[in-house]
Amino acid sequence: MLDIDSPGGEVSGLFDLCDFISQAKSEKPITAYANDNCLSAAYAIAASCSKVLVNRTSAVGSIGVIATHLDVSEADKKYGLKYTTIFRGARKNDLNPHEPLADEEFADLNDELDRLYEMFVELVAKGRRLSIDAVKATEAGIFYGENTVKAGLADVITTTFRKEKTMETDTFKADLSEISRLCRLAKMPEKLAEFVESGISIDEARDSLMRALASKTEDIRSTISANVMPEESPVVAAAKARAAQVCYLIITIDTYLVS
């Protein structure tokens, strides 16, 4: 579960992280929650997850790239400042803020933006199962609440575990941590995303896990015979004894969850 609240950031390392998430989600479902800002590079991370959840005020999108060159050469003249830059390599001084941007520098920077934009769009299109044209049609706009789902950038609006409007973020994170712990104890980590999406409480999650465990216990009991026939081989008897131990372990987990 990725709890994301970010306006984005630099591209450095972003695509490697997204590749890692994409590979990892094939082994374990990874859910992103936009809480509340999930924009630009932050959305690239979310789009790489199995699901994207939002609330009614979440801000999602800004699928674009931007670069800014600050030319302070005129301000330098105004304040009587003159910079002398000594360098080797014709392009070493590119993008120097104390000099106007040369045409060649602008062209190279523009080409790099094109490359990164295409990478970003392809990442979102693949992660969200959208067409390239649909992603580009967003024009790097920001979508809010239910519009994020309509645009295909998120899967569902959820209240997560916020039963009360005044519930603090720390409380939400504590609830999420406890429910995650219960899912691990019950050996059902896949239930976490389901519980987050439905917005149930800790008690409700515990009850659901207990019912699932009880069902598994009954299934195991139904396959075990209480009577060992005289002609039964020692190997079969040992296997049944082992199955009975499994029952005991599951019942122990039930008891722990109740406590």
C-alpha atoms as a PDB file:
ATOM      1  CA  MET A   1       0.000   0.000   0.000  1.00  0.00           C
ATOM      2  CA  LEU A   2       1.549   3.285  -1.138  1.00  0.00           C
ATOM      3  CA  ASP A   3       0.165   6.335   0.690  1.00  0.00           C
ATOM      4  CA  ILE A   4       1.047   9.163  -1.730  1.00  0.00           C
ATOM      5  CA  ASP A   5       0.841  12.905  -1.132  1.00  0.00           C
ATOM      6  CA  SER A   6       3.225  14.657  -3.529  1.00  0.00           C
ATOM      7  CA  PRO A   7       3.152  17.281  -6.301  1.00  0.00           C
ATOM      8  CA  GLY A   8       5.873  15.347  -8.150  1.00  0.00           C
ATOM      9  CA  GLY A   9       9.564  16.017  -8.573  1.00  0.00           C
ATOM     10  CA  GLU A  10      12.647  15.388 -10.676  1.00  0.00           C
ATOM     11  CA  VAL A  11      12.791  12.626 -13.245  1.00  0.00           C
ATOM     12  CA  SER A  12      16.044  11.186 -11.899  1.00  0.00           C
ATOM     13  CA  GLY A  13      15.494   7.536 -10.919  1.00  0.00           C
ATOM     14  CA  LEU A  14      11.741   7.694 -11.573  1.00  0.00           C
ATOM     15  CA  PHE A  15      11.461   5.220 -14.422  1.00  0.00           C
ATOM     16  CA  ASP A  16      13.701   2.671 -12.697  1.00  0.00           C
ATOM     17  CA  LEU A  17      11.470   2.825  -9.615  1.00  0.00           C
ATOM     18  CA  CYS A  18       8.344   2.428 -11.739  1.00  0.00           C
ATOM     19  CA  ASP A  19       9.854  -0.604 -13.489  1.00  0.00           C
ATOM     20  CA  PHE A  20      10.567  -2.144 -10.089  1.00  0.00           C
ATOM     21  CA  ILE A  21       6.960  -1.583  -8.960  1.00  0.00           C
ATOM     22  CA  SER A  22       5.597  -3.031 -12.210  1.00  0.00           C
ATOM     23  CA  GLN A  23       7.662  -6.191 -11.751  1.00  0.00           C
ATOM     24  CA  ALA A  24       6.835  -6.502  -8.049  1.00  0.00           C
ATOM     25  CA  LYS A  25       3.058  -6.226  -8.542  1.00  0.00           C
ATOM     26  CA  SER A  26       3.088  -9.486 -10.507  1.00  0.00           C
ATOM     27  CA  GLU A  27       4.087 -11.218  -7.263  1.00  0.00           C
ATOM     28  CA  LYS A  28       2.063  -9.135  -4.794  1.00  0.00           C
ATOM     29  CA  PRO A  29      -0.761  -6.643  -5.504  1.00  0.00           C
ATOM     30  CA  ILE A  30       0.376  -3.051  -4.876  1.00  0.00           C
ATOM     31  CA  THR A  31      -2.274  -0.393  -4.284  1.00  0.00           C
ATOM     32  CA  ALA A  32      -1.648   3.363  -4.500  1.00  0.00           C
ATOM     33  CA  TYR A  33      -3.779   5.796  -2.492  1.00  0.00           C
ATOM     34  CA  ALA A  34      -3.807   9.466  -3.612  1.00  0.00           C
ATOM     35  CA  ASN A  35      -3.872  11.230  -0.247  1.00  0.00           C
ATOM     36  CA  ASP A  36      -4.425  13.965  -1.506  1.00  0.00           C
ATOM     37  CA  ASN A  37      -1.930  15.074  -4.210  1.00  0.00           C
ATOM     38  CA  CYS A  38      -0.653  12.508  -6.684  1.00  0.00           C
ATOM     39  CA  LEU A  39       0.777  14.529  -9.544  1.00  0.00           C
ATOM     40  CA  SER A  40       3.439  14.320 -12.232  1.00  0.00           C
ATOM     41  CA  ALA A  41       6.272  12.001 -11.100  1.00  0.00           C
ATOM     42  CA  ALA A  42       4.166  10.916  -8.109  1.00  0.00           C
ATOM     43  CA  TYR A  43       1.401   9.842 -10.470  1.00  0.00           C
ATOM     44  CA  ALA A  44       3.886   7.876 -12.564  1.00  0.00           C
ATOM     45  CA  ILE A  45       4.548   5.821  -9.431  1.00  0.00           C
ATOM     46  CA  ALA A  46       0.830   5.376  -8.761  1.00  0.00           C
ATOM     47  CA  ALA A  47       0.091   4.411 -12.368  1.00  0.00           C
ATOM     48  CA  SER A  48       2.636   1.591 -12.070  1.00  0.00           C
ATOM     49  CA  CYS A  49       0.646  -0.005  -9.224  1.00  0.00           C
ATOM     50  CA  SER A  50      -2.098  -2.632  -9.446  1.00  0.00           C
ATOM     51  CA  LYS A  51      -4.792  -0.135  -8.417  1.00  0.00           C
ATOM     52  CA  VAL A  52      -5.138   3.594  -7.786  1.00  0.00           C
ATOM     53  CA  LEU A  53      -7.552   4.731  -5.075  1.00  0.00           C
ATOM     54  CA  VAL A  54      -8.642   8.339  -4.559  1.00  0.00           C
ATOM     55  CA  ASN A  55     -10.885  10.252  -2.195  1.00  0.00           C
ATOM     56  CA  ARG A  56     -13.323  13.000  -3.072  1.00  0.00           C
ATOM     57  CA  THR A  57     -10.667  15.744  -2.969  1.00  0.00           C
ATOM     58  CA  SER A  58      -7.685  13.894  -4.445  1.00  0.00           C
ATOM     59  CA  ALA A  59      -5.724  15.662  -7.189  1.00  0.00           C
ATOM     60  CA  VAL A  60      -4.360  13.316  -9.860  1.00  0.00           C
ATOM     61  CA  GLY A  61      -2.609  13.753 -13.187  1.00  0.00           C
ATOM     62  CA  SER A  62      -0.231  16.421 -14.545  1.00  0.00           C
ATOM     63  CA  ILE A  63       1.131  13.847 -17.003  1.00  0.00           C
ATOM     64  CA  GLY A  64       3.756  16.048 -18.598  1.00  0.00           C
ATOM     65  CA  VAL A  65       7.332  17.267 -18.312  1.00  0.00           C
ATOM     66  CA  ILE A  66       8.731  20.748 -17.813  1.00  0.00           C
ATOM     67  CA  ALA A  67      12.117  22.448 -17.782  1.00  0.00           C
ATOM     68  CA  THR A  68      12.934  26.030 -16.884  1.00  0.00           C
ATOM     69  CA  HIS A  69      16.033  28.032 -17.759  1.00  0.00           C
ATOM     70  CA  LEU A  70      16.478  31.194 -15.719  1.00  0.00           C
ATOM     71  CA  ASP A  71      18.373  33.879 -17.618  1.00  0.00           C
ATOM     72  CA  VAL A  72      19.636  36.440 -15.110  1.00  0.00           C
ATOM     73  CA  SER A  73      22.126  38.091 -17.461  1.00  0.00           C
ATOM     74  CA  GLU A  74      20.121  41.351 -17.657  1.00  0.00           C
ATOM     75  CA  ALA A  75      19.775  41.451 -13.880  1.00  0.00           C
ATOM     76  CA  ASP A  76      23.544  40.905 -13.613  1.00  0.00           C
ATOM     77  CA  LYS A  77      24.126  43.971 -15.782  1.00  0.00           C
ATOM     78  CA  LYS A  78      21.694  46.018 -13.703  1.00  0.00           C
ATOM     79  CA  TYR A  79      23.563  45.230 -10.504  1.00  0.00           C
ATOM     80  CA  GLY A  80      27.000  45.537 -12.091  1.00  0.00           C
ATOM     81  CA  LEU A  81      27.799  41.849 -11.963  1.00  0.00           C
ATOM     82  CA  LYS A  82      29.949  40.170 -14.605  1.00  0.00           C
ATOM     83  CA  TYR A  83      30.621  36.408 -14.575  1.00  0.00           C
ATOM     84  CA  THR A  84      33.624  34.859 -16.264  1.00  0.00           C
ATOM     85  CA  THR A  85      33.299  31.127 -16.827  1.00  0.00           C
ATOM     86  CA  ILE A  86      36.344  29.056 -17.756  1.00  0.00           C
ATOM     87  CA  PHE A  87      35.625  25.587 -19.103  1.00  0.00           C
ATOM     88  CA  ARG A  88      36.787  22.820 -21.423  1.00  0.00           C
ATOM     89  CA  GLY A  89      34.462  21.157 -23.885  1.00  0.00           C
ATOM     90  CA  ALA A  90      32.298  23.286 -26.153  1.00  0.00           C
ATOM     91  CA  ARG A  91      29.030  22.253 -24.446  1.00  0.00           C
ATOM     92  CA  LYS A  92      30.239  22.352 -20.836  1.00  0.00           C
ATOM     93  CA  ASN A  93      28.718  25.789 -20.271  1.00  0.00           C
ATOM     94  CA  ASP A  94      25.254  24.896 -21.613  1.00  0.00           C
ATOM     95  CA  LEU A  95      22.282  26.241 -19.614  1.00  0.00           C
ATOM     96  CA  ASN A  96      24.411  28.718 -17.693  1.00  0.00           C
ATOM     97  CA  PRO A  97      21.837  31.045 -16.030  1.00  0.00           C
ATOM     98  CA  HIS A  98      24.173  34.048 -16.393  1.00  0.00           C
ATOM     99  CA  GLU A  99      24.041  33.878 -20.188  1.00  0.00           C
ATOM    100  CA  PRO A 100      21.146  33.875 -22.662  1.00  0.00           C
ATOM    101  CA  LEU A 101      20.053  30.454 -23.894  1.00  0.00           C
ATOM    102  CA  ALA A 102      21.656  29.648 -27.246  1.00  0.00           C
ATOM    103  CA  ASP A 103      19.576  28.137 -30.061  1.00  0.00           C
ATOM    104  CA  GLU A 104      21.528  24.877 -29.924  1.00  0.00           C
ATOM    105  CA  GLU A 105      20.999  24.596 -26.169  1.00  0.00           C
ATOM    106  CA  PHE A 106      17.273  25.193 -26.576  1.00  0.00           C
ATOM    107  CA  ALA A 107      17.010  22.548 -29.322  1.00  0.00           C
ATOM    108  CA  ASP A 108      18.810  19.917 -27.244  1.00  0.00           C
ATOM    109  CA  LEU A 109      16.706  20.617 -24.150  1.00  0.00           C
ATOM    110  CA  ASN A 110      13.544  20.522 -26.232  1.00  0.00           C
ATOM    111  CA  ASP A 111      14.526  17.133 -27.708  1.00  0.00           C
ATOM    112  CA  GLU A 112      15.125  15.733 -24.236  1.00  0.00           C
ATOM    113  CA  LEU A 113      11.693  16.923 -23.102  1.00  0.00           C
ATOM    114  CA  ASP A 114      10.140  15.132 -26.088  1.00  0.00           C
ATOM    115  CA  ARG A 115      11.927  11.913 -25.137  1.00  0.00           C
ATOM    116  CA  LEU A 116      10.928  12.060 -21.476  1.00  0.00           C
ATOM    117  CA  TYR A 117       7.336  12.979 -22.332  1.00  0.00           C
ATOM    118  CA  GLU A 118       6.962   9.944 -24.590  1.00  0.00           C
ATOM    119  CA  MET A 119       8.400   7.712 -21.844  1.00  0.00           C
ATOM    120  CA  PHE A 120       5.969   9.162 -19.301  1.00  0.00           C
ATOM    121  CA  VAL A 121       2.957   8.788 -21.580  1.00  0.00           C
ATOM    122  CA  GLU A 122       3.847   5.188 -22.466  1.00  0.00           C
ATOM    123  CA  LEU A 123       4.303   4.337 -18.781  1.00  0.00           C
ATOM    124  CA  VAL A 124       0.855   5.680 -17.862  1.00  0.00           C
ATOM    125  CA  ALA A 125      -0.816   4.113 -20.906  1.00  0.00           C
ATOM    126  CA  LYS A 126       0.604   0.696 -20.038  1.00  0.00           C
ATOM    127  CA  GLY A 127      -0.069   0.930 -16.302  1.00  0.00           C
ATOM    128  CA  ARG A 128      -3.621   2.254 -16.654  1.00  0.00           C
ATOM    129  CA  ARG A 129      -4.468   0.269 -19.813  1.00  0.00           C
ATOM    130  CA  LEU A 130      -5.220   3.445 -21.776  1.00  0.00           C
ATOM    131  CA  SER A 131      -4.328   4.434 -25.316  1.00  0.00           C
ATOM    132  CA  ILE A 132      -1.396   6.754 -25.976  1.00  0.00           C
ATOM    133  CA  ASP A 133      -3.802   9.290 -27.503  1.00  0.00           C
ATOM    134  CA  ALA A 134      -6.053   9.195 -24.411  1.00  0.00           C
ATOM    135  CA  VAL A 135      -3.129   9.964 -22.123  1.00  0.00           C
ATOM    136  CA  LYS A 136      -1.859  12.781 -24.336  1.00  0.00           C
ATOM    137  CA  ALA A 137      -5.393  14.186 -24.529  1.00  0.00           C
ATOM    138  CA  THR A 138      -5.186  15.029 -20.820  1.00  0.00           C
ATOM    139  CA  GLU A 139      -2.700  17.757 -21.850  1.00  0.00           C
ATOM    140  CA  ALA A 140      -1.007  17.383 -18.448  1.00  0.00           C
ATOM    141  CA  GLY A 141      -4.190  18.611 -16.771  1.00  0.00           C
ATOM    142  CA  ILE A 142      -5.081  17.926 -13.130  1.00  0.00           C
ATOM    143  CA  PHE A 143      -8.197  15.899 -12.326  1.00  0.00           C
ATOM    144  CA  TYR A 144     -10.040  15.902  -9.017  1.00  0.00           C
ATOM    145  CA  GLY A 145     -12.238  13.424  -7.158  1.00  0.00           C
ATOM    146  CA  GLU A 146     -14.659  11.467  -9.322  1.00  0.00           C
ATOM    147  CA  ASN A 147     -13.204  12.978 -12.523  1.00  0.00           C
ATOM    148  CA  THR A 148     -10.015  10.986 -11.927  1.00  0.00           C
ATOM    149  CA  VAL A 149     -12.036   7.772 -12.306  1.00  0.00           C
ATOM    150  CA  LYS A 150     -13.909   9.061 -15.368  1.00  0.00           C
ATOM    151  CA  ALA A 151     -10.585   9.868 -17.043  1.00  0.00           C
ATOM    152  CA  GLY A 152      -9.302   6.364 -16.330  1.00  0.00           C
ATOM    153  CA  LEU A 153      -6.518   7.653 -14.085  1.00  0.00           C
ATOM    154  CA  ALA A 154      -7.925   5.994 -10.941  1.00  0.00           C
ATOM    155  CA  ASP A 155     -10.045   2.950 -10.156  1.00  0.00           C
ATOM    156  CA  VAL A 156     -12.402   3.925  -7.369  1.00  0.00           C
ATOM    157  CA  ILE A 157     -13.262   6.661  -4.881  1.00  0.00           C
ATOM    158  CA  THR A 158     -12.917   5.412  -1.349  1.00  0.00           C
ATOM    159  CA  THR A 159     -13.241   6.829   2.136  1.00  0.00           C
ATOM    160  CA  THR A 160     -10.530   4.360   3.194  1.00  0.00           C
ATOM    161  CA  PHE A 161     -10.987   4.049   6.969  1.00  0.00           C
ATOM    162  CA  ARG A 162     -12.198   7.595   7.604  1.00  0.00           C
ATOM    163  CA  LYS A 163     -15.570   6.995   9.214  1.00  0.00           C
ATOM    164  CA  GLU A 164     -15.462  10.479  10.729  1.00  0.00           C
ATOM    165  CA  LYS A 165     -14.609  13.640   8.819  1.00  0.00           C
ATOM    166  CA  THR A 166     -12.357  14.766  11.668  1.00  0.00           C
ATOM    167  CA  MET A 167     -10.245  11.618  11.630  1.00  0.00           C
ATOM    168  CA  GLU A 168      -6.546  12.569  11.549  1.00  0.00           C
ATOM    169  CA  THR A 169      -3.993  11.230   9.096  1.00  0.00           C
ATOM    170  CA  ASP A 170      -1.996   9.630  11.930  1.00  0.00           C
ATOM    171  CA  THR A 171      -5.098   7.681  12.990  1.00  0.00           C
ATOM    172  CA  PHE A 172      -5.683   6.540   9.420  1.00  0.00           C
ATOM    173  CA  LYS A 173      -2.093   5.332   9.133  1.00  0.00           C
ATOM    174  CA  ALA A 174      -2.350   3.522  12.485  1.00  0.00           C
ATOM    175  CA  ASP A 175      -5.542   1.769  11.355  1.00  0.00           C
ATOM    176  CA  LEU A 176      -3.943   0.808   8.061  1.00  0.00           C
ATOM    177  CA  SER A 177      -0.889  -0.556   9.859  1.00  0.00           C
ATOM    178  CA  GLU A 178      -3.044  -2.652  12.216  1.00  0.00           C
ATOM    179  CA  ILE A 179      -5.172  -4.086   9.416  1.00  0.00           C
ATOM    180  CA  SER A 180      -2.011  -4.885   7.461  1.00  0.00           C
ATOM    181  CA  ARG A 181      -0.652  -6.703  10.536  1.00  0.00           C
ATOM    182  CA  LEU A 182      -3.859  -8.732  10.893  1.00  0.00           C
ATOM    183  CA  CYS A 183      -3.715  -9.738   7.218  1.00  0.00           C
ATOM    184  CA  ARG A 184      -0.142 -10.931   7.653  1.00  0.00           C
ATOM    185  CA  LEU A 185      -1.014 -12.909  10.781  1.00  0.00           C
ATOM    186  CA  ALA A 186      -3.866 -14.593   8.954  1.00  0.00           C
ATOM    187  CA  LYS A 187      -1.532 -15.256   6.004  1.00  0.00           C
ATOM    188  CA  MET A 188      -3.903 -13.376   3.714  1.00  0.00           C
ATOM    189  CA  PRO A 189      -1.906 -10.276   2.620  1.00  0.00           C
ATOM    190  CA  GLU A 190      -3.995 -10.084  -0.542  1.00  0.00           C
ATOM    191  CA  LYS A 191      -6.982  -9.013   1.605  1.00  0.00           C
ATOM    192  CA  LEU A 192      -5.401  -5.640   2.437  1.00  0.00           C
ATOM    193  CA  ALA A 193      -6.244  -3.978  -0.888  1.00  0.00           C
ATOM    194  CA  GLU A 194      -9.814  -5.319  -0.643  1.00  0.00           C
ATOM    195  CA  PHE A 195     -10.222  -3.882   2.856  1.00  0.00           C
ATOM    196  CA  VAL A 196      -8.773  -0.491   1.842  1.00  0.00           C
ATOM    197  CA  GLU A 197     -11.052  -0.249  -1.166  1.00  0.00           C
ATOM    198  CA  SER A 198     -14.151  -1.068   0.871  1.00  0.00           C
ATOM    199  CA  GLY A 199     -13.121   1.283   3.690  1.00  0.00           C
ATOM    200  CA  ILE A 200     -13.867  -1.099   6.568  1.00  0.00           C
ATOM    201  CA  SER A 201     -12.756  -0.641  10.160  1.00  0.00           C
ATOM    202  CA  ILE A 202     -10.216  -2.689  12.112  1.00  0.00           C
ATOM    203  CA  ASP A 203     -12.977  -4.671  13.845  1.00  0.00           C
ATOM    204  CA  GLU A 204     -14.706  -5.384  10.560  1.00  0.00           C
ATOM    205  CA  ALA A 205     -11.430  -6.508   8.996  1.00  0.00           C
ATOM    206  CA  ARG A 206     -10.740  -8.777  11.987  1.00  0.00           C
ATOM    207  CA  ASP A 207     -14.206 -10.347  11.735  1.00  0.00           C
ATOM    208  CA  SER A 208     -13.786 -10.930   8.007  1.00  0.00           C
ATOM    209  CA  LEU A 209     -10.412 -12.613   8.524  1.00  0.00           C
ATOM    210  CA  MET A 210     -11.800 -14.776  11.328  1.00  0.00           C
ATOM    211  CA  ARG A 211     -14.645 -15.958   9.116  1.00  0.00           C
ATOM    212  CA  ALA A 212     -12.215 -16.778   6.320  1.00  0.00           C
ATOM    213  CA  LEU A 213      -9.956 -18.686   8.712  1.00  0.00           C
ATOM    214  CA  ALA A 214     -12.914 -20.545  10.207  1.00  0.00           C
ATOM    215  CA  SER A 215     -13.993 -21.570   6.730  1.00  0.00           C
ATOM    216  CA  LYS A 216     -10.524 -22.890   5.965  1.00  0.00           C
ATOM    217  CA  THR A 217     -10.482 -24.803   9.260  1.00  0.00           C
ATOM    218  CA  GLU A 218     -13.798 -26.507   8.473  1.00  0.00           C
ATOM    219  CA  ASP A 219     -12.507 -27.480   5.030  1.00  0.00           C
ATOM    220  CA  ILE A 220      -9.487 -29.169   6.587  1.00  0.00           C
ATOM    221  CA  ARG A 221     -11.551 -30.906   9.268  1.00  0.00           C
ATOM    222  CA  SER A 222     -13.888 -32.326   6.640  1.00  0.00           C
ATOM    223  CA  THR A 223     -10.967 -34.120   4.985  1.00  0.00           C
ATOM    224  CA  ILE A 224      -9.721 -35.781   8.179  1.00  0.00           C
ATOM    225  CA  SER A 225     -11.123 -39.061   9.466  1.00  0.00           C
ATOM    226  CA  ALA A 226     -11.281 -39.497  13.227  1.00  0.00           C
ATOM    227  CA  ASN A 227     -11.130 -43.279  12.918  1.00  0.00           C
ATOM    228  CA  VAL A 228      -7.920 -44.900  11.842  1.00  0.00           C
ATOM    229  CA  MET A 229      -8.679 -48.286  10.275  1.00  0.00           C
ATOM    230  CA  PRO A 230      -6.481 -51.219  11.336  1.00  0.00           C
ATOM    231  CA  GLU A 231      -5.346 -51.785   7.770  1.00  0.00           C
ATOM    232  CA  GLU A 232      -4.311 -48.153   7.361  1.00  0.00           C
ATOM    233  CA  SER A 233      -0.592 -47.749   6.671  1.00  0.00           C
ATOM    234  CA  PRO A 234       1.694 -45.830   9.075  1.00  0.00           C
ATOM    235  CA  VAL A 235       2.379 -43.302   6.300  1.00  0.00           C
ATOM    236  CA  VAL A 236      -1.330 -42.425   5.951  1.00  0.00           C
ATOM    237  CA  ALA A 237      -1.709 -42.207   9.723  1.00  0.00           C
ATOM    238  CA  ALA A 238       1.256 -39.830   9.939  1.00  0.00           C
ATOM    239  CA  ALA A 239      -0.224 -37.640   7.182  1.00  0.00           C
ATOM    240  CA  LYS A 240      -3.544 -37.360   9.031  1.00  0.00           C
ATOM    241  CA  ALA A 241      -1.761 -36.466  12.242  1.00  0.00           C
ATOM    242  CA  ARG A 242       0.071 -33.713  10.384  1.00  0.00           C
ATOM    243  CA  ALA A 243      -3.219 -32.374   9.011  1.00  0.00           C
ATOM    244  CA  ALA A 244      -4.628 -32.306  12.534  1.00  0.00           C
ATOM    245  CA  GLN A 245      -1.665 -30.150  13.607  1.00  0.00           C
ATOM    246  CA  VAL A 246      -2.465 -27.710  10.797  1.00  0.00           C
ATOM    247  CA  CYS A 247      -6.012 -27.454  12.163  1.00  0.00           C
ATOM    248  CA  TYR A 248      -4.620 -26.673  15.585  1.00  0.00           C
ATOM    249  CA  LEU A 249      -2.384 -23.911  14.201  1.00  0.00           C
ATOM    250  CA  ILE A 250      -5.297 -22.229  12.396  1.00  0.00           C
ATOM    251  CA  ILE A 251      -7.474 -22.410  15.506  1.00  0.00           C
ATOM    252  CA  THR A 252      -4.610 -20.808  17.460  1.00  0.00           C
ATOM    253  CA  ILE A 253      -4.527 -17.927  14.984  1.00  0.00           C
ATOM    254  CA  ASP A 254      -8.296 -17.500  15.374  1.00  0.00           C
ATOM    255  CA  THR A 255      -7.863 -17.182  19.107  1.00  0.00           C
ATOM    256  CA  TYR A 256      -5.060 -14.657  18.708  1.00  0.00           C
ATOM    257  CA  LEU A 257      -7.154 -12.494  16.442  1.00  0.00           C
ATOM    258  CA  VAL A 258     -10.012 -12.498  18.943  1.00  0.00           C
ATOM    259  CA  SER A 259      -7.705 -11.402  21.739  1.00  0.00           C
END
